[in-house]
Amino acid sequence: MERDFAPGGRAAFLLEEAKADFEAGRFKPLDEVLEGVRAKRGNPSGRKPPRVNPFRSQ
């Protein structure tokens, strides 16, 4: 895998494409993406609600 992504390797072009996308602004940081997803779900903290055991009385 290391050889594949090294300069001249079979997958080196993928890294070059990713770098070009980043430099051209065709990239959103993961925290921004997750923030948008959480806002859509109505869960801004990102924490999962506690699991409920249907077999346990509350």
C-alpha atoms as a PDB file:
ATOM      1  CA  MET A   1       0.000   0.000   0.000  1.00  0.00           C
ATOM      2  CA  GLU A   2       2.805   2.369   0.843  1.00  0.00           C
ATOM      3  CA  ARG A   3       4.419   1.715  -2.534  1.00  0.00           C
ATOM      4  CA  ASP A   4       1.110   2.214  -4.343  1.00  0.00           C
ATOM      5  CA  PHE A   5       0.675   5.727  -2.930  1.00  0.00           C
ATOM      6  CA  ALA A   6       4.345   6.720  -3.166  1.00  0.00           C
ATOM      7  CA  PRO A   7       5.327   9.045  -6.036  1.00  0.00           C
ATOM      8  CA  GLY A   8       5.194   7.003  -9.244  1.00  0.00           C
ATOM      9  CA  GLY A   9       3.074   4.291  -7.618  1.00  0.00           C
ATOM     10  CA  ARG A  10      -0.132   2.854  -9.068  1.00  0.00           C
ATOM     11  CA  ALA A  11      -2.397   4.971  -6.839  1.00  0.00           C
ATOM     12  CA  ALA A  12      -0.308   8.145  -6.640  1.00  0.00           C
ATOM     13  CA  PHE A  13      -2.726   9.835  -9.045  1.00  0.00           C
ATOM     14  CA  LEU A  14      -5.466   9.585  -6.387  1.00  0.00           C
ATOM     15  CA  LEU A  15      -3.419  11.669  -3.972  1.00  0.00           C
ATOM     16  CA  GLU A  16      -2.679  14.196  -6.702  1.00  0.00           C
ATOM     17  CA  GLU A  17      -6.397  14.489  -7.516  1.00  0.00           C
ATOM     18  CA  ALA A  18      -7.239  14.952  -3.839  1.00  0.00           C
ATOM     19  CA  LYS A  19      -4.568  17.650  -3.466  1.00  0.00           C
ATOM     20  CA  ALA A  20      -5.857  19.447  -6.568  1.00  0.00           C
ATOM     21  CA  ASP A  21      -9.445  19.315  -5.269  1.00  0.00           C
ATOM     22  CA  PHE A  22      -8.330  20.713  -1.923  1.00  0.00           C
ATOM     23  CA  GLU A  23      -6.344  23.544  -3.505  1.00  0.00           C
ATOM     24  CA  ALA A  24      -9.242  24.403  -5.861  1.00  0.00           C
ATOM     25  CA  GLY A  25     -11.684  24.615  -2.956  1.00  0.00           C
ATOM     26  CA  ARG A  26     -13.683  21.547  -3.985  1.00  0.00           C
ATOM     27  CA  PHE A  27     -13.390  20.176  -0.491  1.00  0.00           C
ATOM     28  CA  LYS A  28     -15.283  20.519   2.759  1.00  0.00           C
ATOM     29  CA  PRO A  29     -13.632  19.694   6.065  1.00  0.00           C
ATOM     30  CA  LEU A  30     -15.195  16.683   7.772  1.00  0.00           C
ATOM     31  CA  ASP A  31     -16.237  18.694  10.831  1.00  0.00           C
ATOM     32  CA  GLU A  32     -18.316  20.988   8.589  1.00  0.00           C
ATOM     33  CA  VAL A  33     -19.954  18.017   6.893  1.00  0.00           C
ATOM     34  CA  LEU A  34     -20.770  16.404  10.231  1.00  0.00           C
ATOM     35  CA  GLU A  35     -22.106  19.689  11.590  1.00  0.00           C
ATOM     36  CA  GLY A  36     -24.550  19.859   8.667  1.00  0.00           C
ATOM     37  CA  VAL A  37     -25.648  16.263   9.178  1.00  0.00           C
ATOM     38  CA  ARG A  38     -26.207  16.833  12.883  1.00  0.00           C
ATOM     39  CA  ALA A  39     -28.226  19.970  12.194  1.00  0.00           C
ATOM     40  CA  LYS A  40     -30.463  18.054   9.787  1.00  0.00           C
ATOM     41  CA  ARG A  41     -31.013  15.357  12.398  1.00  0.00           C
ATOM     42  CA  GLY A  42     -31.723  17.899  15.124  1.00  0.00           C
ATOM     43  CA  ASN A  43     -28.794  16.668  17.186  1.00  0.00           C
ATOM     44  CA  PRO A  44     -26.221  19.504  17.367  1.00  0.00           C
ATOM     45  CA  SER A  45     -24.103  17.853  20.059  1.00  0.00           C
ATOM     46  CA  GLY A  46     -23.499  14.776  17.939  1.00  0.00           C
ATOM     47  CA  ARG A  47     -24.092  12.520  20.913  1.00  0.00           C
ATOM     48  CA  LYS A  48     -26.327   9.540  20.504  1.00  0.00           C
ATOM     49  CA  PRO A  49     -29.374   9.382  22.735  1.00  0.00           C
ATOM     50  CA  PRO A  50     -29.167   6.698  25.428  1.00  0.00           C
ATOM     51  CA  ARG A  51     -30.263   3.273  24.317  1.00  0.00           C
ATOM     52  CA  VAL A  52     -33.514   1.998  25.720  1.00  0.00           C
ATOM     53  CA  ASN A  53     -33.866  -1.634  26.669  1.00  0.00           C
ATOM     54  CA  PRO A  54     -37.447  -2.624  25.836  1.00  0.00           C
ATOM     55  CA  PHE A  55     -37.236  -5.568  28.262  1.00  0.00           C
ATOM     56  CA  ARG A  56     -36.262  -3.531  31.295  1.00  0.00           C
ATOM     57  CA  SER A  57     -38.877  -1.662  33.303  1.00  0.00           C
ATOM     58  CA  GLN A  58     -38.158   1.983  33.834  1.00  0.00           C
END
